[in-house]
PDB file of N, CA and C in Angstrom:
ATOM      1  N   MET A   1     -86.934 221.063 -85.222  1.00  0.00           N
ATOM      2  CA  MET A   1     -86.025 220.218 -84.460  1.00  0.00           C
ATOM      3  C   MET A   1     -86.827 219.469 -83.394  1.00  0.00           C
ATOM      4  N   GLU A   2     -86.644 218.173 -83.360  1.00  0.00           N
ATOM      5  CA  GLU A   2     -87.417 217.365 -82.415  1.00  0.00           C
ATOM      6  C   GLU A   2     -86.811 217.403 -81.017  1.00  0.00           C
ATOM      7  N   SER A   3     -87.645 217.157 -80.037  1.00  0.00           N
ATOM      8  CA  SER A   3     -87.153 217.116 -78.665  1.00  0.00           C
ATOM      9  C   SER A   3     -86.578 215.737 -78.380  1.00  0.00           C
ATOM     10  N   TRP A   4     -85.771 215.631 -77.327  1.00  0.00           N
ATOM     11  CA  TRP A   4     -85.200 214.331 -76.969  1.00  0.00           C
ATOM     12  C   TRP A   4     -86.286 213.385 -76.494  1.00  0.00           C
ATOM     13  N   ARG A   5     -87.369 213.915 -75.936  1.00  0.00           N
ATOM     14  CA  ARG A   5     -88.476 213.049 -75.509  1.00  0.00           C
ATOM     15  C   ARG A   5     -89.157 212.392 -76.708  1.00  0.00           C
ATOM     16  N   GLY A   6     -89.342 213.157 -77.779  1.00  0.00           N
ATOM     17  CA  GLY A   6     -89.931 212.602 -78.989  1.00  0.00           C
ATOM     18  C   GLY A   6     -89.038 211.540 -79.601  1.00  0.00           C
ATOM     19  N   PHE A   7     -87.738 211.827 -79.628  1.00  0.00           N
ATOM     20  CA  PHE A   7     -86.791 210.840 -80.138  1.00  0.00           C
ATOM     21  C   PHE A   7     -86.827 209.576 -79.290  1.00  0.00           C
ATOM     22  N   TRP A   8     -86.818 209.747 -77.970  1.00  0.00           N
ATOM     23  CA  TRP A   8     -86.840 208.602 -77.048  1.00  0.00           C
ATOM     24  C   TRP A   8     -88.113 207.784 -77.245  1.00  0.00           C
ATOM     25  N   ARG A   9     -89.262 208.455 -77.357  1.00  0.00           N
ATOM     26  CA  ARG A   9     -90.535 207.741 -77.496  1.00  0.00           C
ATOM     27  C   ARG A   9     -90.562 206.908 -78.782  1.00  0.00           C
ATOM     28  N   ARG A  10     -90.044 207.455 -79.862  1.00  0.00           N
ATOM     29  CA  ARG A  10     -90.079 206.740 -81.139  1.00  0.00           C
ATOM     30  C   ARG A  10     -89.003 205.668 -81.259  1.00  0.00           C
ATOM     31  N   ASN A  11     -87.925 205.788 -80.509  1.00  0.00           N
ATOM     32  CA  ASN A  11     -86.790 204.888 -80.671  1.00  0.00           C
ATOM     33  C   ASN A  11     -86.372 204.196 -79.376  1.00  0.00           C
ATOM     34  N   SER A  12     -87.233 204.152 -78.380  1.00  0.00           N
ATOM     35  CA  SER A  12     -86.827 203.641 -77.072  1.00  0.00           C
ATOM     36  C   SER A  12     -86.379 202.182 -77.116  1.00  0.00           C
ATOM     37  N   LEU A  13     -87.045 201.336 -77.880  1.00  0.00           N
ATOM     38  CA  LEU A  13     -86.647 199.931 -77.938  1.00  0.00           C
ATOM     39  C   LEU A  13     -85.251 199.792 -78.537  1.00  0.00           C
ATOM     40  N   SER A  14     -84.992 200.478 -79.639  1.00  0.00           N
ATOM     41  CA  SER A  14     -83.670 200.413 -80.272  1.00  0.00           C
ATOM     42  C   SER A  14     -82.586 200.955 -79.346  1.00  0.00           C
ATOM     43  N   VAL A  15     -82.861 202.074 -78.690  1.00  0.00           N
ATOM     44  CA  VAL A  15     -81.876 202.674 -77.799  1.00  0.00           C
ATOM     45  C   VAL A  15     -81.543 201.722 -76.658  1.00  0.00           C
ATOM     46  N   VAL A  16     -82.550 201.120 -76.056  1.00  0.00           N
ATOM     47  CA  VAL A  16     -82.320 200.196 -74.936  1.00  0.00           C
ATOM     48  C   VAL A  16     -81.566 198.954 -75.413  1.00  0.00           C
ATOM     49  N   LEU A  17     -81.941 198.395 -76.555  1.00  0.00           N
ATOM     50  CA  LEU A  17     -81.256 197.198 -77.050  1.00  0.00           C
ATOM     51  C   LEU A  17     -79.801 197.491 -77.410  1.00  0.00           C
ATOM     52  N   PHE A  18     -79.535 198.635 -78.044  1.00  0.00           N
ATOM     53  CA  PHE A  18     -78.146 198.990 -78.343  1.00  0.00           C
ATOM     54  C   PHE A  18     -77.358 199.250 -77.059  1.00  0.00           C
ATOM     55  N   ALA A  19     -77.996 199.873 -76.059  1.00  0.00           N
ATOM     56  CA  ALA A  19     -77.317 200.109 -74.779  1.00  0.00           C
ATOM     57  C   ALA A  19     -76.991 198.792 -74.088  1.00  0.00           C
ATOM     58  N   LEU A  20     -77.924 197.834 -74.105  1.00  0.00           N
ATOM     59  CA  LEU A  20     -77.649 196.522 -73.510  1.00  0.00           C
ATOM     60  C   LEU A  20     -76.534 195.802 -74.264  1.00  0.00           C
ATOM     61  N   PHE A  21     -76.545 195.892 -75.585  1.00  0.00           N
ATOM     62  CA  PHE A  21     -75.485 195.288 -76.380  1.00  0.00           C
ATOM     63  C   PHE A  21     -74.138 195.903 -76.013  1.00  0.00           C
ATOM     64  N   GLY A  22     -74.081 197.239 -75.955  1.00  0.00           N
ATOM     65  CA  GLY A  22     -72.835 197.921 -75.607  1.00  0.00           C
ATOM     66  C   GLY A  22     -72.364 197.571 -74.206  1.00  0.00           C
ATOM     67  N   ALA A  23     -73.290 197.524 -73.250  1.00  0.00           N
ATOM     68  CA  ALA A  23     -72.924 197.190 -71.875  1.00  0.00           C
ATOM     69  C   ALA A  23     -72.405 195.754 -71.774  1.00  0.00           C
ATOM     70  N   SER A  24     -73.048 194.842 -72.489  1.00  0.00           N
ATOM     71  CA  SER A  24     -72.591 193.456 -72.425  1.00  0.00           C
ATOM     72  C   SER A  24     -71.230 193.293 -73.093  1.00  0.00           C
ATOM     73  N   MET A  25     -70.998 193.994 -74.219  1.00  0.00           N
ATOM     74  CA  MET A  25     -69.684 193.922 -74.870  1.00  0.00           C
ATOM     75  C   MET A  25     -68.604 194.539 -73.984  1.00  0.00           C
ATOM     76  N   LEU A  26     -68.900 195.662 -73.351  1.00  0.00           N
ATOM     77  CA  LEU A  26     -67.930 196.302 -72.468  1.00  0.00           C
ATOM     78  C   LEU A  26     -67.615 195.410 -71.267  1.00  0.00           C
ATOM     79  N   THR A  27     -68.639 194.819 -70.683  1.00  0.00           N
ATOM     80  CA  THR A  27     -68.436 193.910 -69.546  1.00  0.00           C
ATOM     81  C   THR A  27     -67.600 192.711 -69.961  1.00  0.00           C
ATOM     82  N   HIS A  28     -67.928 192.134 -71.125  1.00  0.00           N
ATOM     83  CA  HIS A  28     -67.148 191.003 -71.626  1.00  0.00           C
ATOM     84  C   HIS A  28     -65.705 191.415 -71.882  1.00  0.00           C
ATOM     85  N   LEU A  29     -65.503 192.577 -72.495  1.00  0.00           N
ATOM     86  CA  LEU A  29     -64.153 193.056 -72.788  1.00  0.00           C
ATOM     87  C   LEU A  29     -63.331 193.209 -71.516  1.00  0.00           C
ATOM     88  N   LEU A  30     -63.881 193.875 -70.524  1.00  0.00           N
ATOM     89  CA  LEU A  30     -63.123 194.129 -69.296  1.00  0.00           C
ATOM     90  C   LEU A  30     -62.818 192.846 -68.534  1.00  0.00           C
ATOM     91  N   ASN A  31     -63.799 191.956 -68.433  1.00  0.00           N
ATOM     92  CA  ASN A  31     -63.562 190.704 -67.711  1.00  0.00           C
ATOM     93  C   ASN A  31     -62.619 189.775 -68.467  1.00  0.00           C
ATOM     94  N   SER A  32     -62.740 189.735 -69.773  1.00  0.00           N
ATOM     95  CA  SER A  32     -61.855 188.910 -70.584  1.00  0.00           C
ATOM     96  C   SER A  32     -60.419 189.440 -70.521  1.00  0.00           C
ATOM     97  N   TRP A  33     -60.274 190.753 -70.555  1.00  0.00           N
ATOM     98  CA  TRP A  33     -58.951 191.388 -70.452  1.00  0.00           C
ATOM     99  C   TRP A  33     -58.302 191.052 -69.112  1.00  0.00           C
ATOM    100  N   LYS A  34     -59.090 191.157 -68.045  1.00  0.00           N
ATOM    101  CA  LYS A  34     -58.580 190.846 -66.701  1.00  0.00           C
ATOM    102  C   LYS A  34     -58.136 189.385 -66.627  1.00  0.00           C
ATOM    103  N   ASP A  35     -58.968 188.479 -67.125  1.00  0.00           N
ATOM    104  CA  ASP A  35     -58.642 187.051 -67.092  1.00  0.00           C
ATOM    105  C   ASP A  35     -57.414 186.749 -67.952  1.00  0.00           C
ATOM    106  N   PHE A  36     -57.330 187.377 -69.129  1.00  0.00           N
ATOM    107  CA  PHE A  36     -56.189 187.185 -70.022  1.00  0.00           C
ATOM    108  C   PHE A  36     -54.897 187.602 -69.328  1.00  0.00           C
ATOM    109  N   ASN A  37     -54.915 188.754 -68.667  1.00  0.00           N
ATOM    110  CA  ASN A  37     -53.717 189.232 -67.968  1.00  0.00           C
ATOM    111  C   ASN A  37     -53.367 188.359 -66.778  1.00  0.00           C
ATOM    112  N   LEU A  38     -54.375 187.884 -66.044  1.00  0.00           N
ATOM    113  CA  LEU A  38     -54.084 186.993 -64.909  1.00  0.00           C
ATOM    114  C   LEU A  38     -53.440 185.692 -65.382  1.00  0.00           C
ATOM    115  N   GLN A  39     -53.942 185.141 -66.480  1.00  0.00           N
ATOM    116  CA  GLN A  39     -53.335 183.920 -67.022  1.00  0.00           C
ATOM    117  C   GLN A  39     -51.927 184.189 -67.540  1.00  0.00           C
ATOM    118  N   GLY A  40     -51.744 185.327 -68.179  1.00  0.00           N
ATOM    119  CA  GLY A  40     -50.416 185.681 -68.679  1.00  0.00           C
ATOM    120  C   GLY A  40     -49.415 185.880 -67.553  1.00  0.00           C
ATOM    121  N   LEU A  41     -49.834 186.568 -66.492  1.00  0.00           N
ATOM    122  CA  LEU A  41     -48.947 186.786 -65.345  1.00  0.00           C
ATOM    123  C   LEU A  41     -48.574 185.476 -64.678  1.00  0.00           C
ATOM    124  N   ALA A  42     -49.499 184.527 -64.646  1.00  0.00           N
ATOM    125  CA  ALA A  42     -49.214 183.209 -64.056  1.00  0.00           C
ATOM    126  C   ALA A  42     -48.150 182.469 -64.862  1.00  0.00           C
ATOM    127  N   HIS A  43     -48.027 182.813 -66.146  1.00  0.00           N
ATOM    128  CA  HIS A  43     -47.021 182.181 -67.003  1.00  0.00           C
ATOM    129  C   HIS A  43     -45.808 183.087 -67.226  1.00  0.00           C
ATOM    130  N   GLY A  44     -45.699 184.158 -66.436  1.00  0.00           N
ATOM    131  CA  GLY A  44     -44.533 185.034 -66.502  1.00  0.00           C
ATOM    132  C   GLY A  44     -44.552 186.044 -67.632  1.00  0.00           C
ATOM    133  N   LYS A  45     -45.700 186.274 -68.251  1.00  0.00           N
ATOM    134  CA  LYS A  45     -45.796 187.259 -69.318  1.00  0.00           C
ATOM    135  C   LYS A  45     -46.221 188.604 -68.745  1.00  0.00           C
ATOM    136  N   PRO A  46     -45.813 189.720 -69.356  1.00  0.00           N
ATOM    137  CA  PRO A  46     -46.248 191.026 -68.860  1.00  0.00           C
ATOM    138  C   PRO A  46     -47.724 191.273 -69.186  1.00  0.00           C
ATOM    139  N   ALA A  47     -48.338 192.104 -68.368  1.00  0.00           N
ATOM    140  CA  ALA A  47     -49.746 192.441 -68.594  1.00  0.00           C
ATOM    141  C   ALA A  47     -49.875 193.303 -69.843  1.00  0.00           C
ATOM    142  N   GLU A  48     -50.964 193.102 -70.581  1.00  0.00           N
ATOM    143  CA  GLU A  48     -51.226 193.891 -71.781  1.00  0.00           C
ATOM    144  C   GLU A  48     -52.172 195.036 -71.455  1.00  0.00           C
ATOM    145  N   THR A  49     -52.044 196.118 -72.210  1.00  0.00           N
ATOM    146  CA  THR A  49     -52.988 197.219 -72.069  1.00  0.00           C
ATOM    147  C   THR A  49     -54.302 196.810 -72.745  1.00  0.00           C
ATOM    148  N   LEU A  50     -55.323 197.576 -72.491  1.00  0.00           N
ATOM    149  CA  LEU A  50     -56.618 197.296 -73.108  1.00  0.00           C
ATOM    150  C   LEU A  50     -56.527 197.407 -74.632  1.00  0.00           C
ATOM    151  N   GLY A  51     -55.791 198.383 -75.114  1.00  0.00           N
ATOM    152  CA  GLY A  51     -55.601 198.545 -76.554  1.00  0.00           C
ATOM    153  C   GLY A  51     -54.891 197.352 -77.179  1.00  0.00           C
ATOM    154  N   GLN A  52     -53.879 196.829 -76.497  1.00  0.00           N
ATOM    155  CA  GLN A  52     -53.187 195.644 -76.997  1.00  0.00           C
ATOM    156  C   GLN A  52     -54.113 194.435 -76.987  1.00  0.00           C
ATOM    157  N   PHE A  53     -54.908 194.327 -75.936  1.00  0.00           N
ATOM    158  CA  PHE A  53     -55.810 193.181 -75.824  1.00  0.00           C
ATOM    159  C   PHE A  53     -56.869 193.180 -76.924  1.00  0.00           C
ATOM    160  N   LEU A  54     -57.282 194.359 -77.386  1.00  0.00           N
ATOM    161  CA  LEU A  54     -58.266 194.438 -78.463  1.00  0.00           C
ATOM    162  C   LEU A  54     -57.745 193.825 -79.766  1.00  0.00           C
ATOM    163  N   HIS A  55     -56.440 193.675 -79.886  1.00  0.00           N
ATOM    164  CA  HIS A  55     -55.857 193.052 -81.073  1.00  0.00           C
ATOM    165  C   HIS A  55     -55.663 191.545 -80.905  1.00  0.00           C
ATOM    166  N   GLU A  56     -56.007 191.022 -79.748  1.00  0.00           N
ATOM    167  CA  GLU A  56     -55.872 189.582 -79.510  1.00  0.00           C
ATOM    168  C   GLU A  56     -57.007 188.822 -80.186  1.00  0.00           C
ATOM    169  N   PRO A  57     -56.697 187.797 -80.963  1.00  0.00           N
ATOM    170  CA  PRO A  57     -57.757 187.020 -81.617  1.00  0.00           C
ATOM    171  C   PRO A  57     -58.644 186.272 -80.627  1.00  0.00           C
ATOM    172  N   GLU A  58     -58.108 185.961 -79.450  1.00  0.00           N
ATOM    173  CA  GLU A  58     -58.894 185.238 -78.443  1.00  0.00           C
ATOM    174  C   GLU A  58     -60.140 186.024 -78.034  1.00  0.00           C
ATOM    175  N   PHE A  59     -59.980 187.335 -77.837  1.00  0.00           N
ATOM    176  CA  PHE A  59     -61.120 188.166 -77.447  1.00  0.00           C
ATOM    177  C   PHE A  59     -62.198 188.145 -78.526  1.00  0.00           C
ATOM    178  N   TRP A  60     -61.804 188.317 -79.784  1.00  0.00           N
ATOM    179  CA  TRP A  60     -62.781 188.372 -80.864  1.00  0.00           C
ATOM    180  C   TRP A  60     -63.420 187.011 -81.103  1.00  0.00           C
ATOM    181  N   PHE A  61     -62.656 185.948 -80.938  1.00  0.00           N
ATOM    182  CA  PHE A  61     -63.225 184.607 -81.083  1.00  0.00           C
ATOM    183  C   PHE A  61     -64.298 184.375 -80.024  1.00  0.00           C
ATOM    184  N   GLU A  62     -63.977 184.699 -78.766  1.00  0.00           N
ATOM    185  CA  GLU A  62     -64.956 184.539 -77.681  1.00  0.00           C
ATOM    186  C   GLU A  62     -66.195 185.390 -77.934  1.00  0.00           C
ATOM    187  N   SER A  63     -65.998 186.627 -78.357  1.00  0.00           N
ATOM    188  CA  SER A  63     -67.120 187.542 -78.577  1.00  0.00           C
ATOM    189  C   SER A  63     -68.044 187.029 -79.672  1.00  0.00           C
ATOM    190  N   PHE A  64     -67.462 186.653 -80.811  1.00  0.00           N
ATOM    191  CA  PHE A  64     -68.292 186.188 -81.921  1.00  0.00           C
ATOM    192  C   PHE A  64     -68.960 184.860 -81.612  1.00  0.00           C
ATOM    193  N   GLN A  65     -68.266 184.000 -80.873  1.00  0.00           N
ATOM    194  CA  GLN A  65     -68.863 182.727 -80.492  1.00  0.00           C
ATOM    195  C   GLN A  65     -70.068 182.967 -79.578  1.00  0.00           C
ATOM    196  N   ASN A  66     -69.933 183.883 -78.637  1.00  0.00           N
ATOM    197  CA  ASN A  66     -71.020 184.199 -77.722  1.00  0.00           C
ATOM    198  C   ASN A  66     -72.195 184.829 -78.460  1.00  0.00           C
ATOM    199  N   TRP A  67     -71.933 185.810 -79.306  1.00  0.00           N
ATOM    200  CA  TRP A  67     -73.013 186.496 -80.007  1.00  0.00           C
ATOM    201  C   TRP A  67     -73.666 185.621 -81.055  1.00  0.00           C
ATOM    202  N   GLN A  68     -72.913 184.690 -81.634  1.00  0.00           N
ATOM    203  CA  GLN A  68     -73.507 183.761 -82.580  1.00  0.00           C
ATOM    204  C   GLN A  68     -74.597 182.944 -81.899  1.00  0.00           C
ATOM    205  N   SER A  69     -74.315 182.459 -80.696  1.00  0.00           N
ATOM    206  CA  SER A  69     -75.325 181.662 -79.986  1.00  0.00           C
ATOM    207  C   SER A  69     -76.500 182.524 -79.547  1.00  0.00           C
ATOM    208  N   GLU A  70     -76.243 183.762 -79.169  1.00  0.00           N
ATOM    209  CA  GLU A  70     -77.331 184.651 -78.757  1.00  0.00           C
ATOM    210  C   GLU A  70     -78.244 184.991 -79.935  1.00  0.00           C
ATOM    211  N   PHE A  71     -77.654 185.328 -81.075  1.00  0.00           N
ATOM    212  CA  PHE A  71     -78.458 185.652 -82.246  1.00  0.00           C
ATOM    213  C   PHE A  71     -79.234 184.441 -82.741  1.00  0.00           C
ATOM    214  N   LEU A  72     -78.639 183.254 -82.637  1.00  0.00           N
ATOM    215  CA  LEU A  72     -79.348 182.037 -83.020  1.00  0.00           C
ATOM    216  C   LEU A  72     -80.567 181.825 -82.125  1.00  0.00           C
ATOM    217  N   ALA A  73     -80.402 182.063 -80.827  1.00  0.00           N
ATOM    218  CA  ALA A  73     -81.523 181.905 -79.898  1.00  0.00           C
ATOM    219  C   ALA A  73     -82.634 182.912 -80.204  1.00  0.00           C
ATOM    220  N   VAL A  74     -82.275 184.161 -80.437  1.00  0.00           N
ATOM    221  CA  VAL A  74     -83.282 185.180 -80.738  1.00  0.00           C
ATOM    222  C   VAL A  74     -83.975 184.877 -82.062  1.00  0.00           C
ATOM    223  N   ALA A  75     -83.203 184.469 -83.066  1.00  0.00           N
ATOM    224  CA  ALA A  75     -83.797 184.133 -84.362  1.00  0.00           C
ATOM    225  C   ALA A  75     -84.765 182.965 -84.228  1.00  0.00           C
ATOM    226  N   ALA A  76     -84.415 181.987 -83.410  1.00  0.00           N
ATOM    227  CA  ALA A  76     -85.312 180.850 -83.202  1.00  0.00           C
ATOM    228  C   ALA A  76     -86.607 181.302 -82.531  1.00  0.00           C
ATOM    229  N   ILE A  77     -86.507 182.169 -81.540  1.00  0.00           N
ATOM    230  CA  ILE A  77     -87.698 182.658 -80.851  1.00  0.00           C
ATOM    231  C   ILE A  77     -88.591 183.431 -81.825  1.00  0.00           C
ATOM    232  N   VAL A  78     -87.983 184.296 -82.645  1.00  0.00           N
ATOM    233  CA  VAL A  78     -88.764 185.068 -83.612  1.00  0.00           C
ATOM    234  C   VAL A  78     -89.446 184.135 -84.604  1.00  0.00           C
ATOM    235  N   ALA A  79     -88.698 183.189 -85.147  1.00  0.00           N
ATOM    236  CA  ALA A  79     -89.276 182.252 -86.122  1.00  0.00           C
ATOM    237  C   ALA A  79     -90.380 181.415 -85.483  1.00  0.00           C
ATOM    238  N   PHE A  80     -90.161 180.952 -84.275  1.00  0.00           N
ATOM    239  CA  PHE A  80     -91.167 180.135 -83.602  1.00  0.00           C
ATOM    240  C   PHE A  80     -92.441 180.930 -83.345  1.00  0.00           C
ATOM    241  N   THR A  81     -92.314 182.205 -82.979  1.00  0.00           N
ATOM    242  CA  THR A  81     -93.515 182.994 -82.702  1.00  0.00           C
ATOM    243  C   THR A  81     -94.295 183.312 -83.970  1.00  0.00           C
ATOM    244  N   ILE A  82     -93.645 183.264 -85.123  1.00  0.00           N
ATOM    245  CA  ILE A  82     -94.349 183.509 -86.382  1.00  0.00           C
ATOM    246  C   ILE A  82     -95.124 182.267 -86.815  1.00  0.00           C
ATOM    247  N   PHE A  83     -94.495 181.102 -86.719  1.00  0.00           N
ATOM    248  CA  PHE A  83     -95.075 179.899 -87.301  1.00  0.00           C
ATOM    249  C   PHE A  83     -95.771 178.968 -86.308  1.00  0.00           C
ATOM    250  N   LEU A  84     -95.454 179.063 -85.033  1.00  0.00           N
ATOM    251  CA  LEU A  84     -96.069 178.182 -84.046  1.00  0.00           C
ATOM    252  C   LEU A  84     -97.106 178.940 -83.233  1.00  0.00           C
ATOM    253  N   ARG A  85     -98.086 178.225 -82.704  1.00  0.00           N
ATOM    254  CA  ARG A  85     -99.155 178.862 -81.934  1.00  0.00           C
ATOM    255  C   ARG A  85     -99.344 178.128 -80.616  1.00  0.00           C
ATOM    256  N   GLN A  86     -99.868 178.832 -79.639  1.00  0.00           N
ATOM    257  CA  GLN A  86    -100.186 178.231 -78.350  1.00  0.00           C
ATOM    258  C   GLN A  86    -101.649 178.507 -78.056  1.00  0.00           C
ATOM    259  N   ILE A  87    -102.429 177.468 -77.981  1.00  0.00           N
ATOM    260  CA  ILE A  87    -103.856 177.637 -77.752  1.00  0.00           C
ATOM    261  C   ILE A  87    -104.089 178.317 -76.397  1.00  0.00           C
ATOM    262  N   GLY A  88    -104.979 179.273 -76.381  1.00  0.00           N
ATOM    263  CA  GLY A  88    -105.315 179.980 -75.152  1.00  0.00           C
ATOM    264  C   GLY A  88    -104.432 181.177 -74.856  1.00  0.00           C
ATOM    265  N   SER A  89    -103.385 181.389 -75.641  1.00  0.00           N
ATOM    266  CA  SER A  89    -102.504 182.520 -75.410  1.00  0.00           C
ATOM    267  C   SER A  89    -103.124 183.781 -76.007  1.00  0.00           C
ATOM    268  N   SER A  90    -103.139 184.859 -75.240  1.00  0.00           N
ATOM    269  CA  SER A  90    -103.706 186.112 -75.744  1.00  0.00           C
ATOM    270  C   SER A  90    -102.804 186.742 -76.803  1.00  0.00           C
ATOM    271  N   GLN A  91    -101.531 186.374 -76.833  1.00  0.00           N
ATOM    272  CA  GLN A  91    -100.608 186.934 -77.816  1.00  0.00           C
ATOM    273  C   GLN A  91    -100.539 186.113 -79.097  1.00  0.00           C
ATOM    274  N   SER A  92    -101.102 184.924 -79.098  1.00  0.00           N
ATOM    275  CA  SER A  92    -101.000 184.049 -80.253  1.00  0.00           C
ATOM    276  C   SER A  92    -102.135 184.307 -81.235  1.00  0.00           C
ATOM    277  N   LYS A  93    -101.853 184.068 -82.526  1.00  0.00           N
ATOM    278  CA  LYS A  93    -102.902 184.119 -83.543  1.00  0.00           C
ATOM    279  C   LYS A  93    -103.819 182.923 -83.318  1.00  0.00           C
ATOM    280  N   GLY A  94    -105.007 183.013 -83.852  1.00  0.00           N
ATOM    281  CA  GLY A  94    -105.922 181.891 -83.764  1.00  0.00           C
ATOM    282  C   GLY A  94    -105.349 180.671 -84.474  1.00  0.00           C
ATOM    283  N   LEU A  95    -105.711 179.495 -84.039  1.00  0.00           N
ATOM    284  CA  LEU A  95    -105.142 178.273 -84.584  1.00  0.00           C
ATOM    285  C   LEU A  95    -105.477 178.061 -86.050  1.00  0.00           C
ATOM    286  N   THR A  96    -106.594 178.597 -86.521  1.00  0.00           N
ATOM    287  CA  THR A  96    -106.978 178.408 -87.915  1.00  0.00           C
ATOM    288  C   THR A  96    -106.588 179.563 -88.814  1.00  0.00           C
ATOM    289  N   GLU A  97    -105.985 180.620 -88.260  1.00  0.00           N
ATOM    290  CA  GLU A  97    -105.597 181.790 -89.043  1.00  0.00           C
ATOM    291  C   GLU A  97    -104.283 181.525 -89.776  1.00  0.00           C
ATOM    292  N   PRO A  98    -104.093 182.121 -90.973  1.00  0.00           N
ATOM    293  CA  PRO A  98    -102.874 181.877 -91.735  1.00  0.00           C
ATOM    294  C   PRO A  98    -101.649 182.556 -91.101  1.00  0.00           C
ATOM    295  N   ASN A  99    -100.468 182.068 -91.458  1.00  0.00           N
ATOM    296  CA  ASN A  99     -99.230 182.649 -90.949  1.00  0.00           C
ATOM    297  C   ASN A  99     -99.047 184.095 -91.365  1.00  0.00           C
ATOM    298  N   SER A 100     -99.640 184.482 -92.484  1.00  0.00           N
ATOM    299  CA  SER A 100     -99.464 185.850 -92.971  1.00  0.00           C
ATOM    300  C   SER A 100    -100.236 186.879 -92.161  1.00  0.00           C
ATOM    301  N   LYS A 101    -101.172 186.439 -91.317  1.00  0.00           N
ATOM    302  CA  LYS A 101    -101.958 187.383 -90.528  1.00  0.00           C
ATOM    303  C   LYS A 101    -101.163 187.835 -89.319  1.00  0.00           C
ATOM    304  N   THR A 102    -101.063 189.152 -89.164  1.00  0.00           N
ATOM    305  CA  THR A 102    -100.414 189.728 -87.988  1.00  0.00           C
ATOM    306  C   THR A 102    -101.295 190.845 -87.460  1.00  0.00           C
ATOM    307  N   GLY A 103    -101.116 191.156 -86.218  1.00  0.00           N
ATOM    308  CA  GLY A 103    -101.908 192.239 -85.610  1.00  0.00           C
ATOM    309  C   GLY A 103    -103.342 191.820 -85.391  1.00  0.00           C
ATOM    310  N   ASP A 104    -104.229 192.787 -85.335  1.00  0.00           N
ATOM    311  CA  ASP A 104    -105.648 192.526 -85.063  1.00  0.00           C
ATOM    312  C   ASP A 104    -106.418 192.172 -86.311  1.00  0.00           C
TER     313      ASP A 104
END
């Protein structure tokens, strides 16, 4: 049985990225729910519970629209770092090296 330190060392990047994803979704959910209820109350509608709000298409539309742009940005950065080079950068491949070369 492995220790939690071993698990953390081998999976720390994934754990942190999933935690950031979860925190951002939770923050978006709570703030969107609050805003939805404030707008509803201004129009004389009763406030919805968090469970009811999770069934609202507006929340899911906003979430997917936001994450679509985020994933597009990350995908562009990954693709650019594979195929484009910056002369003098210690992280970049040499200008004459093929795209298939990675690492040392």
